Structure formats: structure tokens, C-alpha cells
Amino acid sequence: TTILGLSATFSIVKALPYFIVGSLLGILFRHWQPPARLQNNWYVAALLLLPLLYPAIFSIVTGQSHGMWLDPRVLGCVSIIFFAVVFLVPQGNPFIENSAGDKLGEISYSLYLLHYPLLLALKKAGLATGIPGLAIFLVLSVILAIISFYLVEAPLRKKIRTLCSPSTHSSRSRIARPE
């Protein structure tokens, strides 16, 4: 699609099913606690679906290709993995509750924002094929996310909190209000 002579794609349409599934799982998280018998280490089986999200591995395993965002199989894999990690992991699980997991959680938003542009760049450079391509993609994604978190995300969050803190507003309102 071209708008005012500029190429425009509407990625929101591609991401909408993921947003809806995430929203529904968020609502479920607030209103449902899974029974303890469901919380066990079988969630790891869902994590085995993770490599299938990588198109080259999906193609090797199934002999088919997938259309990434618009493919219902990808949405299904992402949904199952998210559900399993959020709802089925037992409390105190050392695989999830550890400093490396905490760090990945901390950089997760940067990782989310940067992984796809990185994948496109690696594809363009011919580095996004097979298992070596997956390894390069994962390592670079984490490195970029860490850099982005410490140089952009954390400083901006701190600045926004400073600007929006109640003490900032109350001191301004005292100055602006005539007595």
C-alpha cells in the first residue's frame, strides 16, 4: 500500500490476533488460578514448540513453510507456549525463577521490539538460515535488547517516572495556585 507516495504496511492487522490472545490470557490470569495438579514440569513440553516458530526449523521438521504472522499454526504455538509458562509452571521452579530468567524478563520489551527488525536484517544478509542462523539470531537479539534496555528503555522510564511523580505535580500545583 502506498500513502502520499510512501510505502505503508499495516502490521497491526498481522499482530491483532496475538494481541487478542494475549489480552484473553491476561483476563484469564486475573480470574483463574490453575489447580495445583496442573502445575508441574510438563510445561517444558510446550517450550519444545519454540524452535518451530523459526521458519527454517519449521520447514526442516514439517517439510512445509509458514507465513509467520498470519499463519494460525504460529499463533497456536505462541499461545500454547505463553499459556504453559504463565499457568503451568510450579512455584519455585528453578528453570523459570532464576537470575537469568529475571534478566530476560527485564529486557523482554526491548527483545520484543527489536527481534523482528534484526531477523529481517539477518535475512537480508543471508545469515538467517538453519541452526547457525537461529543461534546468531538468538545471541544478537539478546545483546541488542540488553543494549537497548540500558541505553534507552531504563533511562526513559526513569525520566517519565520523574516527570509523572506526584511530588513533581504537587510542587508545581503549590507554585501555580494563588493563596
C-alpha atoms as a PDB file:
ATOM      1  CA  THR A   1       0.000   0.000   0.000  1.00  0.00           C
ATOM      2  CA  THR A   2       1.237   3.493  -0.816  1.00  0.00           C
ATOM      3  CA  ILE A   3       0.131   6.574   1.122  1.00  0.00           C
ATOM      4  CA  LEU A   4       1.321  10.008  -0.051  1.00  0.00           C
ATOM      5  CA  GLY A   5       3.989   8.296  -2.123  1.00  0.00           C
ATOM      6  CA  LEU A   6       5.377   6.356   0.859  1.00  0.00           C
ATOM      7  CA  SER A   7       5.197   2.604   1.238  1.00  0.00           C
ATOM      8  CA  ALA A   8       2.980   1.711   4.178  1.00  0.00           C
ATOM      9  CA  THR A   9       2.193  -1.645   5.729  1.00  0.00           C
ATOM     10  CA  PHE A  10      -0.357  -2.116   8.431  1.00  0.00           C
ATOM     11  CA  SER A  11       1.332  -4.520  10.810  1.00  0.00           C
ATOM     12  CA  ILE A  12      -1.414  -4.001  13.376  1.00  0.00           C
ATOM     13  CA  VAL A  13      -3.624  -6.287  11.302  1.00  0.00           C
ATOM     14  CA  LYS A  14      -0.967  -9.003  11.439  1.00  0.00           C
ATOM     15  CA  ALA A  15      -0.424  -8.571  15.181  1.00  0.00           C
ATOM     16  CA  LEU A  16      -4.097  -8.247  16.161  1.00  0.00           C
ATOM     17  CA  PRO A  17      -4.702 -11.990  16.758  1.00  0.00           C
ATOM     18  CA  TYR A  18      -1.644 -12.099  19.044  1.00  0.00           C
ATOM     19  CA  PHE A  19      -2.872  -9.038  20.926  1.00  0.00           C
ATOM     20  CA  ILE A  20      -6.327 -10.599  21.346  1.00  0.00           C
ATOM     21  CA  VAL A  21      -4.903 -13.916  22.588  1.00  0.00           C
ATOM     22  CA  GLY A  22      -2.574 -12.062  24.973  1.00  0.00           C
ATOM     23  CA  SER A  23      -5.476  -9.964  26.275  1.00  0.00           C
ATOM     24  CA  LEU A  24      -7.665 -13.032  26.798  1.00  0.00           C
ATOM     25  CA  LEU A  25      -4.868 -14.855  28.619  1.00  0.00           C
ATOM     26  CA  GLY A  26      -4.319 -11.725  30.742  1.00  0.00           C
ATOM     27  CA  ILE A  27      -8.012 -11.714  31.724  1.00  0.00           C
ATOM     28  CA  LEU A  28      -7.811 -15.441  32.464  1.00  0.00           C
ATOM     29  CA  PHE A  29      -4.723 -14.824  34.621  1.00  0.00           C
ATOM     30  CA  ARG A  30      -6.644 -12.311  36.766  1.00  0.00           C
ATOM     31  CA  HIS A  31      -9.662 -14.586  37.251  1.00  0.00           C
ATOM     32  CA  TRP A  32      -8.390 -18.177  37.255  1.00  0.00           C
ATOM     33  CA  GLN A  33      -5.817 -19.987  39.305  1.00  0.00           C
ATOM     34  CA  PRO A  34      -4.958 -23.376  37.792  1.00  0.00           C
ATOM     35  CA  PRO A  35      -5.294 -26.333  40.138  1.00  0.00           C
ATOM     36  CA  ALA A  36      -2.003 -27.421  41.707  1.00  0.00           C
ATOM     37  CA  ARG A  37      -2.230 -30.773  39.886  1.00  0.00           C
ATOM     38  CA  LEU A  38      -1.825 -28.911  36.556  1.00  0.00           C
ATOM     39  CA  GLN A  39       1.237 -27.037  37.747  1.00  0.00           C
ATOM     40  CA  ASN A  40       4.073 -29.414  37.011  1.00  0.00           C
ATOM     41  CA  ASN A  41       7.137 -29.654  34.848  1.00  0.00           C
ATOM     42  CA  TRP A  42       5.189 -30.752  31.769  1.00  0.00           C
ATOM     43  CA  TYR A  43       5.165 -27.085  30.700  1.00  0.00           C
ATOM     44  CA  VAL A  44       8.634 -27.858  29.267  1.00  0.00           C
ATOM     45  CA  ALA A  45       6.889 -29.864  26.531  1.00  0.00           C
ATOM     46  CA  ALA A  46       5.278 -26.638  25.313  1.00  0.00           C
ATOM     47  CA  LEU A  47       8.708 -24.993  25.175  1.00  0.00           C
ATOM     48  CA  LEU A  48       9.712 -27.632  22.633  1.00  0.00           C
ATOM     49  CA  LEU A  49       7.373 -25.821  20.220  1.00  0.00           C
ATOM     50  CA  LEU A  50       9.564 -22.700  20.410  1.00  0.00           C
ATOM     51  CA  PRO A  51      12.017 -23.724  17.662  1.00  0.00           C
ATOM     52  CA  LEU A  52       9.068 -24.332  15.325  1.00  0.00           C
ATOM     53  CA  LEU A  53       8.473 -20.580  15.302  1.00  0.00           C
ATOM     54  CA  TYR A  54      11.713 -20.195  13.373  1.00  0.00           C
ATOM     55  CA  PRO A  55      10.739 -20.623   9.701  1.00  0.00           C
ATOM     56  CA  ALA A  56      13.840 -22.613   8.678  1.00  0.00           C
ATOM     57  CA  ILE A  57      13.399 -25.131  11.502  1.00  0.00           C
ATOM     58  CA  PHE A  58       9.662 -25.395  10.837  1.00  0.00           C
ATOM     59  CA  SER A  59      10.427 -26.174   7.201  1.00  0.00           C
ATOM     60  CA  ILE A  60      13.037 -28.832   8.110  1.00  0.00           C
ATOM     61  CA  VAL A  61      10.721 -30.551  10.616  1.00  0.00           C
ATOM     62  CA  THR A  62       7.468 -30.423   8.627  1.00  0.00           C
ATOM     63  CA  GLY A  63       8.582 -30.048   5.015  1.00  0.00           C
ATOM     64  CA  GLN A  64       6.274 -27.022   4.759  1.00  0.00           C
ATOM     65  CA  SER A  65       6.749 -23.305   5.121  1.00  0.00           C
ATOM     66  CA  HIS A  66       4.722 -20.938   7.242  1.00  0.00           C
ATOM     67  CA  GLY A  67       3.674 -17.348   6.691  1.00  0.00           C
ATOM     68  CA  MET A  68       4.806 -16.254  10.161  1.00  0.00           C
ATOM     69  CA  TRP A  69       2.328 -13.675  11.490  1.00  0.00           C
ATOM     70  CA  LEU A  70      -0.701 -14.760   9.511  1.00  0.00           C
ATOM     71  CA  ASP A  71      -0.196 -18.484   9.977  1.00  0.00           C
ATOM     72  CA  PRO A  72      -2.601 -19.946  12.544  1.00  0.00           C
ATOM     73  CA  ARG A  73      -0.015 -22.620  13.411  1.00  0.00           C
ATOM     74  CA  VAL A  74       2.363 -19.914  14.618  1.00  0.00           C
ATOM     75  CA  LEU A  75      -0.406 -18.254  16.639  1.00  0.00           C
ATOM     76  CA  GLY A  76      -1.227 -21.672  18.127  1.00  0.00           C
ATOM     77  CA  CYS A  77       2.415 -22.321  19.088  1.00  0.00           C
ATOM     78  CA  VAL A  78       2.815 -18.873  20.640  1.00  0.00           C
ATOM     79  CA  SER A  79      -0.473 -19.244  22.541  1.00  0.00           C
ATOM     80  CA  ILE A  80       0.411 -22.687  23.903  1.00  0.00           C
ATOM     81  CA  ILE A  81       3.889 -21.591  24.979  1.00  0.00           C
ATOM     82  CA  PHE A  82       2.578 -18.427  26.661  1.00  0.00           C
ATOM     83  CA  PHE A  83      -0.222 -20.329  28.443  1.00  0.00           C
ATOM     84  CA  ALA A  84       2.153 -23.043  29.647  1.00  0.00           C
ATOM     85  CA  VAL A  85       4.757 -20.639  31.006  1.00  0.00           C
ATOM     86  CA  VAL A  86       2.196 -18.377  32.700  1.00  0.00           C
ATOM     87  CA  PHE A  87      -0.155 -21.017  34.115  1.00  0.00           C
ATOM     88  CA  LEU A  88       1.546 -24.413  34.330  1.00  0.00           C
ATOM     89  CA  VAL A  89       4.941 -23.692  35.880  1.00  0.00           C
ATOM     90  CA  PRO A  90       5.051 -24.840  39.518  1.00  0.00           C
ATOM     91  CA  GLN A  91       6.004 -22.305  42.178  1.00  0.00           C
ATOM     92  CA  GLY A  92       9.731 -22.164  42.936  1.00  0.00           C
ATOM     93  CA  ASN A  93      10.745 -23.721  39.618  1.00  0.00           C
ATOM     94  CA  PRO A  94      14.499 -23.096  39.268  1.00  0.00           C
ATOM     95  CA  PHE A  95      14.307 -23.103  35.449  1.00  0.00           C
ATOM     96  CA  ILE A  96      11.964 -20.093  35.434  1.00  0.00           C
ATOM     97  CA  GLU A  97      12.744 -18.444  38.773  1.00  0.00           C
ATOM     98  CA  ASN A  98      16.440 -17.612  38.470  1.00  0.00           C
ATOM     99  CA  SER A  99      18.629 -14.612  37.763  1.00  0.00           C
ATOM    100  CA  ALA A 100      18.965 -15.385  34.024  1.00  0.00           C
ATOM    101  CA  GLY A 101      15.164 -15.644  33.730  1.00  0.00           C
ATOM    102  CA  ASP A 102      14.787 -12.410  35.683  1.00  0.00           C
ATOM    103  CA  LYS A 103      17.226 -10.678  33.306  1.00  0.00           C
ATOM    104  CA  LEU A 104      15.355 -11.985  30.247  1.00  0.00           C
ATOM    105  CA  GLY A 105      12.115 -10.731  31.791  1.00  0.00           C
ATOM    106  CA  GLU A 106      13.719  -7.346  32.392  1.00  0.00           C
ATOM    107  CA  ILE A 107      14.803  -6.986  28.757  1.00  0.00           C
ATOM    108  CA  SER A 108      11.706  -8.673  27.305  1.00  0.00           C
ATOM    109  CA  TYR A 109      10.101  -5.495  25.953  1.00  0.00           C
ATOM    110  CA  SER A 110      13.300  -4.473  24.167  1.00  0.00           C
ATOM    111  CA  LEU A 111      13.606  -8.044  22.918  1.00  0.00           C
ATOM    112  CA  TYR A 112      10.039  -7.911  21.639  1.00  0.00           C
ATOM    113  CA  LEU A 113      10.624  -4.622  19.817  1.00  0.00           C
ATOM    114  CA  LEU A 114      13.987  -5.480  18.288  1.00  0.00           C
ATOM    115  CA  HIS A 115      13.820  -9.161  17.367  1.00  0.00           C
ATOM    116  CA  TYR A 116      11.849  -8.767  14.149  1.00  0.00           C
ATOM    117  CA  PRO A 117      13.896  -5.927  12.603  1.00  0.00           C
ATOM    118  CA  LEU A 118      17.003  -7.941  13.477  1.00  0.00           C
ATOM    119  CA  LEU A 119      15.549 -11.033  11.801  1.00  0.00           C
ATOM    120  CA  LEU A 120      14.841  -9.006   8.659  1.00  0.00           C
ATOM    121  CA  ALA A 121      18.415  -7.665   8.654  1.00  0.00           C
ATOM    122  CA  LEU A 122      19.843 -11.169   9.116  1.00  0.00           C
ATOM    123  CA  LYS A 123      17.670 -12.470   6.276  1.00  0.00           C
ATOM    124  CA  LYS A 124      18.879  -9.667   4.029  1.00  0.00           C
ATOM    125  CA  ALA A 125      22.481 -10.518   4.930  1.00  0.00           C
ATOM    126  CA  GLY A 126      21.850 -14.222   4.281  1.00  0.00           C
ATOM    127  CA  LEU A 127      22.529 -15.151   7.914  1.00  0.00           C
ATOM    128  CA  ALA A 128      19.076 -16.383   8.913  1.00  0.00           C
ATOM    129  CA  THR A 129      19.177 -19.967   7.717  1.00  0.00           C
ATOM    130  CA  GLY A 130      19.359 -23.226   9.624  1.00  0.00           C
ATOM    131  CA  ILE A 131      20.534 -23.850  13.151  1.00  0.00           C
ATOM    132  CA  PRO A 132      23.571 -21.498  12.873  1.00  0.00           C
ATOM    133  CA  GLY A 133      21.206 -18.722  11.754  1.00  0.00           C
ATOM    134  CA  LEU A 134      18.951 -19.380  14.749  1.00  0.00           C
ATOM    135  CA  ALA A 135      21.951 -19.230  17.110  1.00  0.00           C
ATOM    136  CA  ILE A 136      23.144 -15.946  15.585  1.00  0.00           C
ATOM    137  CA  PHE A 137      19.611 -14.551  15.779  1.00  0.00           C
ATOM    138  CA  LEU A 138      19.126 -15.514  19.438  1.00  0.00           C
ATOM    139  CA  VAL A 139      22.513 -14.217  20.604  1.00  0.00           C
ATOM    140  CA  LEU A 140      22.238 -10.924  18.703  1.00  0.00           C
ATOM    141  CA  SER A 141      18.624 -10.436  19.830  1.00  0.00           C
ATOM    142  CA  VAL A 142      19.610 -10.716  23.482  1.00  0.00           C
ATOM    143  CA  ILE A 143      22.667  -8.468  23.047  1.00  0.00           C
ATOM    144  CA  LEU A 144      20.643  -5.785  21.244  1.00  0.00           C
ATOM    145  CA  ALA A 145      17.877  -5.993  23.832  1.00  0.00           C
ATOM    146  CA  ILE A 146      20.361  -5.561  26.707  1.00  0.00           C
ATOM    147  CA  ILE A 147      21.938  -2.546  24.993  1.00  0.00           C
ATOM    148  CA  SER A 148      18.522  -1.044  24.263  1.00  0.00           C
ATOM    149  CA  PHE A 149      17.309  -1.685  27.800  1.00  0.00           C
ATOM    150  CA  TYR A 150      20.256   0.054  29.474  1.00  0.00           C
ATOM    151  CA  LEU A 151      20.760   2.879  26.965  1.00  0.00           C
ATOM    152  CA  VAL A 152      17.150   3.677  26.021  1.00  0.00           C
ATOM    153  CA  GLU A 153      14.395   1.908  27.964  1.00  0.00           C
ATOM    154  CA  ALA A 154      15.625   2.240  31.571  1.00  0.00           C
ATOM    155  CA  PRO A 155      16.712   5.905  31.250  1.00  0.00           C
ATOM    156  CA  LEU A 156      13.428   6.858  29.546  1.00  0.00           C
ATOM    157  CA  ARG A 157      11.389   5.001  32.162  1.00  0.00           C
ATOM    158  CA  LYS A 158      13.269   6.817  34.922  1.00  0.00           C
ATOM    159  CA  LYS A 159      12.721  10.183  33.212  1.00  0.00           C
ATOM    160  CA  ILE A 160       8.996   9.514  32.694  1.00  0.00           C
ATOM    161  CA  ARG A 161       8.581   8.449  36.328  1.00  0.00           C
ATOM    162  CA  THR A 162      10.361  11.600  37.466  1.00  0.00           C
ATOM    163  CA  LEU A 163       8.149  13.796  35.309  1.00  0.00           C
ATOM    164  CA  CYS A 164       4.965  12.000  36.354  1.00  0.00           C
ATOM    165  CA  SER A 165       5.668  11.520  40.054  1.00  0.00           C
ATOM    166  CA  PRO A 166       3.135  13.004  42.500  1.00  0.00           C
ATOM    167  CA  SER A 167       5.823  15.078  44.234  1.00  0.00           C
ATOM    168  CA  THR A 168       6.592  16.836  40.937  1.00  0.00           C
ATOM    169  CA  HIS A 169       2.912  17.623  40.380  1.00  0.00           C
ATOM    170  CA  SER A 170       2.224  18.752  43.949  1.00  0.00           C
ATOM    171  CA  SER A 171       5.157  21.194  43.986  1.00  0.00           C
ATOM    172  CA  ARG A 172       4.019  22.658  40.671  1.00  0.00           C
ATOM    173  CA  SER A 173       0.437  22.951  41.844  1.00  0.00           C
ATOM    174  CA  ARG A 174       1.521  24.768  45.040  1.00  0.00           C
ATOM    175  CA  ILE A 175       3.504  27.251  42.999  1.00  0.00           C
ATOM    176  CA  ALA A 176       0.758  27.804  40.436  1.00  0.00           C
ATOM    177  CA  ARG A 177      -2.110  28.105  42.964  1.00  0.00           C
ATOM    178  CA  PRO A 178      -2.675  31.584  44.467  1.00  0.00           C
ATOM    179  CA  GLU A 179      -3.256  31.613  48.228  1.00  0.00           C
END
